[in-house]
C-alpha cells in the first residue's frame, strides 16, 4: 500500500476516517471552550490546563481496568457508544450554572470512557489495512487531526466571540452526534478480534505481557514521556496568551500536519528508522526560547517548528506493531493511547502548577528541558538494548532491534 488513493479504496477506511475526524473536531472545539470558561471563572492557569487536558488524567484508570475490552468488544457498537457518551457529557458541561466540581467530574468520566476508544479505533485500523499500510493509514489520521485542530481552534475562537463558550460546546455536541451516525452507518458489523470476556484481571495480565519485553517497554516510554511533557507546554497557551491561544494551537496543529505528511508519505524506511530520536529532540527544543518570553509571532513560529517533531510518534508506533502479536494489537495500541494521554494529563497538571508558582513562560521552558532529558535517557537505554538483546516470551519481544526506529521487515526481528 503505497499511496493515499490506495487507502481510500480500502473498504471501511473512509467511514472510520470521517468518524474520527468529526470526533477530533468536536473535542478540539469543546476543549478550547471549556478551557476558556474555566480560566475566565478562576483566572487559574492550573485549573484551565487541567480542564482542557483533564480527560487524559483518567486514562490511567482505564488502562488498568478496561483495556482488555479493546479486542473483546465489537468495534462498531463500541465506537458508536463512545461518541454518544461524549455528546451527552459535553451537553451536560454546556449547562448554565453547572458547578465547577461537577464539570470536572464529567471531564473525568469522559476520560475514563475515552481510554477504551483508542484501542478499539486503532485496532480496527490495523485490521482494515494490510500489514504495510498501517503507518501510512495512521499518518493520514494524524494529518487529518492536525488540519481538524487548525480549523477547530480557529472556528472555536470565532464561535466564542460571535456566540459564547457554552454555545460553542453545543456545536461540539452536534459533531459528536454526527461521528456516532457515521460510525453506525458506515462501518460493517465485525466480531471481536479475541474471544473471552473482558475483565480487570485480563487487562492486568495482558498489560504485564506487553510490558515484559524490554524493547517494547522502552518504545512505550518513548511514546509517552517526551511528547507528554511537551503537551504540558501546550496546556499553557491559554494562560500565556489568553487572546491568541487559538492561534498558537492552530500553529501547533499545522506543524504536526507537516511532520506527519513528511514521515508517513515521503521518508523512505531506512531514513525514517533513524529519525525517531531527532524528531523528539526537535519536539522540545524550540520551547526553550519561551524563557525569553517571545511575542505572539515568534511564539507561534516556535510552536509550529516544534510540532513537526510529533512525527516521531508514527515511527515508534510502527515499531510497536512490529514487536506485538497481531491478536493483541488493539490492546497494545490502547495501552499506547491511554499511557500517552495519561502522561499528557499529568504534564498539563504539572505545568499548570509550576506556572501558578512562577509564570507560564518559565513552566514551558522547564517542561521542554525535562522532555529533552527524558529523550536522551531513553535513547541511551535503547542503545544498550541493541548491544545486549534479550528474549521475550510472546514470540515478538526478543528482537535484536533498537528503539531508534523500526526493525527491518526481512525477518530479522
Protein backbone atom coordinates (compact mmCIF):
# COMPACT_ATOMS: atom_id res chain seq x y z
CA UNK A 1 0.00 0.00 0.00
CA UNK A 2 1.93 2.98 -1.31
CA UNK A 3 -0.49 5.87 -1.89
CA UNK A 4 -3.34 7.72 -0.24
CA UNK A 5 -5.68 6.62 -3.03
CA UNK A 6 -4.96 3.00 -2.09
CA UNK A 7 -6.09 3.78 1.44
CA UNK A 8 -9.37 5.36 0.45
CA UNK A 9 -10.12 2.50 -1.93
CA UNK A 10 -9.93 0.17 1.06
CA UNK A 11 -13.38 -0.73 2.32
CA UNK A 12 -14.32 0.88 5.66
CA UNK A 13 -11.28 3.16 5.76
CA UNK A 14 -13.28 6.23 4.68
CA UNK A 15 -16.09 5.94 7.28
CA UNK A 16 -13.55 5.25 10.02
CA UNK A 17 -11.58 8.27 8.86
CA UNK A 18 -14.65 10.52 8.76
CA UNK A 19 -15.94 9.49 12.17
CA UNK A 20 -12.51 10.00 13.73
CA UNK A 21 -12.22 13.45 12.13
CA UNK A 22 -15.63 14.50 13.42
CA UNK A 23 -14.73 13.29 16.91
CA UNK A 24 -11.44 15.21 16.75
CA UNK A 25 -13.19 18.39 15.61
CA UNK A 26 -15.69 18.11 18.45
CA UNK A 27 -13.01 17.58 21.10
CA UNK A 28 -10.92 20.46 19.74
CA UNK A 29 -13.73 22.97 19.78
CA UNK A 30 -15.01 21.69 23.11
CA UNK A 31 -11.60 21.78 24.82
CA UNK A 32 -10.97 25.41 23.83
CA UNK A 33 -14.43 26.42 25.06
CA UNK A 34 -14.02 24.59 28.38
CA UNK A 35 -10.52 25.95 28.99
CA UNK A 36 -11.72 29.49 28.30
CA UNK A 37 -14.75 29.09 30.57
CA UNK A 38 -12.64 27.85 33.46
CA UNK A 39 -9.92 30.47 33.03
CA UNK A 40 -12.47 33.30 32.96
CA UNK A 41 -14.14 31.93 36.07
CA UNK A 42 -10.99 31.22 38.09
CA UNK A 43 -8.06 33.06 36.42
CA UNK A 44 -6.06 29.95 37.32
CA UNK A 45 -3.52 28.52 34.81
CA UNK A 46 -3.63 25.22 36.70
CA UNK A 47 -7.40 24.76 36.54
CA UNK A 48 -7.53 25.97 32.94
CA UNK A 49 -4.85 23.46 31.90
CA UNK A 50 -6.50 20.60 33.80
CA UNK A 51 -9.93 21.42 32.37
CA UNK A 52 -8.58 21.17 28.81
CA UNK A 53 -6.47 18.07 29.36
CA UNK A 54 -8.31 16.58 32.32
CA UNK A 55 -9.84 13.65 30.43
CA UNK A 56 -6.31 12.36 29.89
CA UNK A 57 -5.76 12.08 33.65
CA UNK A 58 -8.47 9.43 33.85
CA UNK A 59 -6.77 7.35 31.16
CA UNK A 60 -4.58 5.60 33.71
CA UNK A 61 -7.69 4.15 35.37
CA UNK A 62 -9.00 2.89 32.04
CA UNK A 63 -5.60 1.48 31.10
CA UNK A 64 -5.61 -0.70 34.21
CA UNK A 65 -9.26 -1.77 34.13
CA UNK A 66 -10.89 -1.53 30.69
CA UNK A 67 -8.25 -2.25 28.03
CA UNK A 68 -8.94 -5.98 27.75
CA UNK A 69 -12.25 -4.93 26.16
CA UNK A 70 -10.45 -3.29 23.20
CA UNK A 71 -10.07 -6.67 21.45
CA UNK A 72 -13.11 -8.33 23.04
CA UNK A 73 -15.97 -5.99 22.06
CA UNK A 74 -17.50 -5.43 18.60
CA UNK A 75 -15.81 -2.29 17.20
CA UNK A 76 -18.78 -0.62 15.53
CA UNK A 77 -21.15 -0.63 18.51
CA UNK A 78 -18.35 0.30 20.92
CA UNK A 79 -17.23 3.31 18.90
CA UNK A 80 -20.82 4.44 18.41
CA UNK A 81 -21.45 4.25 22.15
CA UNK A 82 -18.30 6.24 22.93
CA UNK A 83 -19.30 9.05 20.56
CA UNK A 84 -22.80 9.21 22.07
CA UNK A 85 -21.34 9.30 25.58
CA UNK A 86 -19.20 12.29 24.64
CA UNK A 87 -22.22 14.04 23.15
CA UNK A 88 -24.18 13.61 26.38
CA UNK A 89 -21.25 14.61 28.60
CA UNK A 90 -20.50 17.74 26.57
CA UNK A 91 -24.16 18.72 26.67
CA UNK A 92 -24.05 18.47 30.47
CA UNK A 93 -20.95 20.70 30.60
CA UNK A 94 -22.77 23.30 28.49
CA UNK A 95 -25.49 23.59 31.12
CA UNK A 96 -25.59 27.14 32.60
CA UNK A 97 -24.76 27.32 36.28
CA UNK A 98 -23.05 23.93 36.40
CA UNK A 99 -20.77 23.88 39.48
CA UNK A 100 -17.05 23.66 38.82
CA UNK A 101 -16.76 20.37 40.71
CA UNK A 102 -19.49 18.83 38.56
CA UNK A 103 -17.76 19.98 35.37
CA UNK A 104 -14.52 18.29 36.44
CA UNK A 105 -16.44 15.14 37.39
CA UNK A 106 -17.87 14.94 33.87
CA UNK A 107 -14.40 15.55 32.42
CA UNK A 108 -13.03 12.63 34.45
CA UNK A 109 -15.85 10.33 33.37
CA UNK A 110 -15.32 11.15 29.70
CA UNK A 111 -11.61 10.46 30.12
CA UNK A 112 -12.38 7.01 31.51
CA UNK A 113 -14.63 6.24 28.56
CA UNK A 114 -12.07 7.59 26.12
CA UNK A 115 -9.40 5.20 27.40
CA UNK A 116 -11.21 2.41 25.57
CA UNK A 117 -11.64 4.37 22.33
CA UNK A 118 -8.01 4.44 21.22
CA UNK A 119 -7.57 0.68 21.43
CA UNK A 120 -10.80 -0.02 19.57
CA UNK A 121 -10.20 2.55 16.82
CA UNK A 122 -6.56 1.79 16.11
CA UNK A 123 -7.03 -1.94 16.49
CA UNK A 124 -9.76 -1.73 13.85
CA UNK A 125 -7.48 0.33 11.59
CA UNK A 126 -4.78 -2.32 11.93
CA UNK A 127 -7.40 -4.93 10.97
CA UNK A 128 -8.77 -3.00 7.99
CA UNK A 129 -5.42 -2.23 6.37
CA UNK A 130 -2.76 -4.56 5.07
CA UNK A 131 0.44 -5.07 7.03
CA UNK A 132 2.36 -2.46 5.05
CA UNK A 133 -0.47 0.06 5.21
CA UNK A 134 -0.76 0.83 8.93
CA UNK A 135 1.85 3.60 9.13
CA UNK A 136 0.54 5.34 6.00
CA UNK A 137 -3.02 5.00 7.26
CA UNK A 138 -2.18 6.26 10.72
CA UNK A 139 -0.30 9.20 9.19
CA UNK A 140 -3.47 10.15 7.31
CA UNK A 141 -5.41 10.11 10.57
CA UNK A 142 -2.75 12.25 12.24
CA UNK A 143 -2.69 14.69 9.32
CA UNK A 144 -6.46 14.96 9.43
CA UNK A 145 -6.23 15.54 13.17
CA UNK A 146 -3.77 18.37 12.56
CA UNK A 147 -5.98 20.00 9.94
CA UNK A 148 -9.05 19.46 12.07
CA UNK A 149 -7.35 21.12 15.01
CA UNK A 150 -6.30 24.08 12.88
CA UNK A 151 -9.87 24.51 11.66
CA UNK A 152 -11.33 23.60 15.05
CA UNK A 153 -9.34 26.07 17.10
CA UNK A 154 -9.90 28.82 14.53
CA UNK A 155 -13.62 28.04 14.35
CA UNK A 156 -13.88 27.70 18.11
CA UNK A 157 -12.22 31.08 18.63
CA UNK A 158 -14.67 32.72 16.23
CA UNK A 159 -17.68 30.96 17.75
CA UNK A 160 -16.75 32.09 21.26
CA UNK A 161 -16.53 35.69 20.07
CA UNK A 162 -19.71 35.59 17.99
CA UNK A 163 -21.71 33.36 20.33
CA UNK A 164 -20.32 32.23 23.71
CA UNK A 165 -18.24 29.38 25.15
CA UNK A 166 -21.37 27.48 26.17
CA UNK A 167 -22.91 27.84 22.71
CA UNK A 168 -19.62 26.59 21.29
CA UNK A 169 -20.00 23.45 23.41
CA UNK A 170 -23.39 22.86 21.77
CA UNK A 171 -21.64 22.85 18.39
CA UNK A 172 -19.27 20.19 19.77
CA UNK A 173 -22.28 18.09 20.83
CA UNK A 174 -23.60 18.19 17.26
CA UNK A 175 -20.26 17.00 15.89
CA UNK A 176 -20.13 14.09 18.36
CA UNK A 177 -23.61 13.03 17.25
CA UNK A 178 -22.51 13.16 13.62
CA UNK A 179 -19.49 10.97 14.46
CA UNK A 180 -21.80 8.40 16.06
CA UNK A 181 -24.06 8.38 12.99
CA UNK A 182 -21.19 7.89 10.53
CA UNK A 183 -19.78 5.07 12.65
CA UNK A 184 -23.09 3.26 12.89
CA UNK A 185 -23.99 3.56 9.20
CA UNK A 186 -20.55 3.42 7.60
CA UNK A 187 -18.80 0.54 9.35
CA UNK A 188 -19.78 -3.08 8.98
CA UNK A 189 -20.51 -5.36 11.88
CA UNK A 190 -17.36 -7.21 12.96
CA UNK A 191 -16.75 -9.85 15.55
CA UNK A 192 -14.28 -9.08 18.37
CA UNK A 193 -10.65 -9.88 17.50
CA UNK A 194 -10.20 -12.04 20.60
CA UNK A 195 -12.57 -14.41 22.36
CA UNK A 196 -13.38 -14.25 26.04
CA UNK A 197 -14.91 -11.79 28.44
CA UNK A 198 -13.15 -8.52 29.21
CA UNK A 199 -12.11 -8.19 32.83
CA UNK A 200 -9.78 -6.24 35.08
CA UNK A 201 -7.69 -9.38 35.65
CA UNK A 202 -7.28 -9.97 31.92
CA UNK A 203 -6.32 -6.33 31.44
CA UNK A 204 -3.59 -6.68 34.04
CA UNK A 205 -2.30 -9.94 32.55
CA UNK A 206 -2.04 -8.54 29.04
CA UNK A 207 -0.50 -5.29 30.27
CA UNK A 208 2.14 -7.34 32.09
CA UNK A 209 2.82 -9.40 28.97
CA UNK A 210 3.23 -6.31 26.80
CA UNK A 211 5.41 -4.64 29.42
CA UNK A 212 7.65 -7.70 29.89
CA UNK A 213 9.65 -7.11 26.70
CA UNK A 214 12.48 -4.54 27.23
CA UNK A 215 12.42 -3.23 23.62
CA UNK A 216 8.64 -2.85 23.71
CA UNK A 217 8.78 -1.26 27.16
CA UNK A 218 11.29 1.35 26.00
CA UNK A 219 9.17 2.02 22.91
CA UNK A 220 6.16 2.71 25.13
CA UNK A 221 8.18 5.14 27.25
CA UNK A 222 9.36 6.96 24.13
CA UNK A 223 5.73 7.25 23.02
CA UNK A 224 4.55 8.52 26.41
CA UNK A 225 7.09 10.71 28.17
CA UNK A 226 8.82 13.16 25.79
CA UNK A 227 5.71 14.23 23.91
CA UNK A 228 3.59 14.19 27.06
CA UNK A 229 5.89 16.76 28.63
CA UNK A 230 5.62 18.94 25.52
CA UNK A 231 1.84 18.75 25.69
CA UNK A 232 2.30 20.26 29.16
CA UNK A 233 3.75 23.26 27.33
CA UNK A 234 0.71 23.35 25.04
CA UNK A 235 -1.65 23.31 28.01
CA UNK A 236 -0.36 26.78 28.97
CA UNK A 237 -1.20 28.53 25.71
CA UNK A 238 -4.39 29.98 27.19
CA UNK A 239 -2.61 31.47 30.21
CA UNK A 240 0.46 32.54 28.16
CA UNK A 241 -1.57 34.39 25.53
CA UNK A 242 -5.26 34.46 26.53
CA UNK A 243 -6.35 36.35 23.41
CA UNK A 244 -4.11 34.44 20.98
CA UNK A 245 -4.29 30.89 22.33
CA UNK A 246 -6.30 29.72 19.30
CA UNK A 247 -3.51 30.93 17.01
CA UNK A 248 -0.85 29.03 18.98
CA UNK A 249 -2.93 25.86 18.94
CA UNK A 250 -3.53 26.23 15.20
CA UNK A 251 0.20 26.72 14.50
CA UNK A 252 0.98 23.63 16.57
CA UNK A 253 -1.56 21.63 14.60
CA UNK A 254 -0.03 22.86 11.34
CA UNK A 255 3.44 21.78 12.44
CA UNK A 256 2.10 18.36 13.42
CA UNK A 257 0.48 18.07 9.99
CA UNK A 258 3.79 18.80 8.25
CA UNK A 259 5.60 16.24 10.40
CA UNK A 260 3.03 13.53 9.74
CA UNK A 261 2.97 14.13 5.97
CA UNK A 262 6.75 14.01 5.83
CA UNK A 263 7.06 10.91 8.00
CA UNK A 264 4.19 8.88 6.60
CA UNK A 265 4.48 9.69 2.90
CA UNK A 266 7.89 10.97 1.90
CA UNK A 267 10.55 9.47 4.15
CA UNK A 268 11.89 6.12 2.89
CA UNK A 269 12.02 3.42 5.60
CA UNK A 270 15.84 3.45 6.04
CA UNK A 271 15.77 7.20 6.69
CA UNK A 272 12.63 7.05 8.80
CA UNK A 273 14.16 4.47 11.12
CA UNK A 274 16.93 6.88 12.04
CA UNK A 275 14.74 9.89 12.80
CA UNK A 276 12.76 8.76 15.86
CA UNK A 277 15.08 10.39 18.39
CA UNK A 278 15.96 13.51 16.31
CA UNK A 279 12.25 14.24 15.93
CA UNK A 280 11.77 14.02 19.70
CA UNK A 281 14.63 16.49 20.21
CA UNK A 282 13.01 18.84 17.69
CA UNK A 283 9.70 18.46 19.53
CA UNK A 284 11.04 20.03 22.72
CA UNK A 285 13.94 22.23 21.60
CA UNK A 286 12.06 25.32 20.31
CA UNK A 287 10.14 25.65 23.58
CA UNK A 288 13.39 26.64 25.30
CA UNK A 289 13.01 30.02 23.59
CA UNK A 290 9.97 30.71 25.78
CA UNK A 291 12.49 31.54 28.51
CA UNK A 292 12.83 34.86 26.63
CA UNK A 293 9.03 35.41 26.76
CA UNK A 294 8.66 35.92 22.99
CA UNK A 295 5.81 37.81 21.41
CA UNK A 296 2.97 36.07 19.65
CA UNK A 297 4.60 35.89 16.21
CA UNK A 298 7.85 34.31 17.43
CA UNK A 299 5.97 32.07 19.87
CA UNK A 300 3.77 30.81 17.02
CA UNK A 301 6.84 30.07 14.87
CA UNK A 302 8.47 28.12 17.73
CA UNK A 303 5.29 26.14 18.30
CA UNK A 304 4.92 25.27 14.60
CA UNK A 305 8.56 24.17 14.28
CA UNK A 306 8.45 22.07 17.46
CA UNK A 307 5.24 20.30 16.46
CA UNK A 308 6.89 18.84 13.36
CA UNK A 309 8.61 16.54 15.86
CA UNK A 310 5.33 14.79 16.65
CA UNK A 311 6.15 12.71 13.55
CA UNK A 312 8.26 10.60 15.90
CA UNK A 313 5.06 9.03 17.23
CA UNK A 314 4.41 7.35 13.88
CA UNK A 315 7.90 5.86 13.84
CA UNK A 316 7.54 4.45 17.34
CA UNK A 317 4.03 3.13 16.64
CA UNK A 318 5.26 1.22 13.60
CA UNK A 319 7.96 -0.30 15.76
CA UNK A 320 5.44 -1.19 18.46
CA UNK A 321 3.30 -3.09 15.94
CA UNK A 322 6.38 -4.95 14.72
CA UNK A 323 7.04 -6.08 18.29
CA UNK A 324 3.44 -7.08 19.14
CA UNK A 325 1.44 -10.24 18.30
CA UNK A 326 -1.44 -9.41 15.95
CA UNK A 327 -4.14 -10.72 18.30
CA UNK A 328 -3.02 -8.18 20.91
CA UNK A 329 -2.78 -5.21 18.53
CA UNK A 330 -5.88 -3.44 19.85
CA UNK A 331 -4.81 -3.83 23.47
CA UNK A 332 -1.25 -2.75 22.65
CA UNK A 333 -2.39 0.36 20.78
CA UNK A 334 -4.91 1.09 23.52
CA UNK A 335 -2.16 0.91 26.12
CA UNK A 336 -0.09 3.28 23.99
CA UNK A 337 -3.00 5.69 23.62
CA UNK A 338 -4.03 5.56 27.29
CA UNK A 339 -0.47 5.88 28.57
CA UNK A 340 0.23 8.77 26.23
CA UNK A 341 -2.92 10.64 27.17
CA UNK A 342 -2.36 9.97 30.86
CA UNK A 343 1.11 11.44 30.61
CA UNK A 344 -0.30 14.42 28.76
CA UNK A 345 -2.84 14.99 31.52
CA UNK A 346 -0.23 14.64 34.27
CA UNK A 347 2.09 17.00 32.39
CA UNK A 348 -0.69 19.54 31.93
CA UNK A 349 -1.39 19.50 35.68
CA UNK A 350 2.32 19.73 36.49
CA UNK A 351 2.89 22.56 34.02
CA UNK A 352 -0.13 24.40 35.38
CA UNK A 353 1.15 24.04 38.95
CA UNK A 354 4.60 25.35 38.00
CA UNK A 355 3.03 28.24 36.09
CA UNK A 356 0.90 29.04 39.12
CA UNK A 357 4.04 29.42 41.24
CA UNK A 358 6.23 31.10 38.58
CA UNK A 359 4.89 32.04 35.14
CA UNK A 360 3.60 30.23 32.04
CA UNK A 361 6.82 31.00 30.13
CA UNK A 362 9.02 29.59 32.89
CA UNK A 363 6.90 26.46 33.18
CA UNK A 364 7.02 25.85 29.42
CA UNK A 365 10.80 26.17 29.43
CA UNK A 366 11.18 23.71 32.31
CA UNK A 367 8.84 21.17 30.70
CA UNK A 368 10.80 21.36 27.44
CA UNK A 369 14.13 20.86 29.22
CA UNK A 370 12.73 17.83 31.06
CA UNK A 371 11.49 16.37 27.77
CA UNK A 372 14.97 16.70 26.25
CA UNK A 373 16.49 14.96 29.27
CA UNK A 374 13.96 12.12 29.05
CA UNK A 375 14.67 11.62 25.36
CA UNK A 376 18.42 11.44 25.98
CA UNK A 377 17.96 8.92 28.79
CA UNK A 378 15.64 6.62 26.83
CA UNK A 379 17.85 6.84 23.74
CA UNK A 380 20.81 5.65 25.80
CA UNK A 381 18.71 2.78 27.18
CA UNK A 382 17.74 1.78 23.66
CA UNK A 383 21.34 1.68 22.52
CA UNK A 384 22.20 -0.58 25.44
CA UNK A 385 19.40 -2.93 24.41
CA UNK A 386 20.78 -3.07 20.87
CA UNK A 387 24.12 -4.21 22.25
CA UNK A 388 22.50 -6.70 24.67
CA UNK A 389 19.45 -8.35 23.01
CA UNK A 390 17.04 -10.10 25.35
CA UNK A 391 14.49 -12.80 24.79
CA UNK A 392 10.74 -12.35 25.05
CA UNK A 393 8.04 -14.81 25.97
CA UNK A 394 5.45 -13.82 23.37
CA UNK A 395 7.40 -14.53 20.22
CA UNK A 396 7.89 -10.90 19.27
CA UNK A 397 9.70 -9.38 22.22
CA UNK A 398 13.20 -10.72 21.79
CA UNK A 399 14.26 -8.87 18.67
CA UNK A 400 17.75 -7.50 18.42
CA UNK A 401 16.43 -4.15 17.29
CA UNK A 402 16.86 -0.77 18.85
CA UNK A 403 14.43 1.89 19.93
CA UNK A 404 15.77 4.39 17.44
CA UNK A 405 13.50 3.17 14.68
CA UNK A 406 11.58 0.31 13.14
CA UNK A 407 13.11 -3.13 12.64
CA UNK A 408 13.71 -4.35 9.09
CA UNK A 409 10.88 -6.37 7.58
CA UNK A 410 13.12 -9.12 6.24
CA UNK A 411 12.62 -11.45 9.18
CA UNK A 412 15.38 -10.07 11.42
CA UNK A 413 13.12 -9.32 14.36
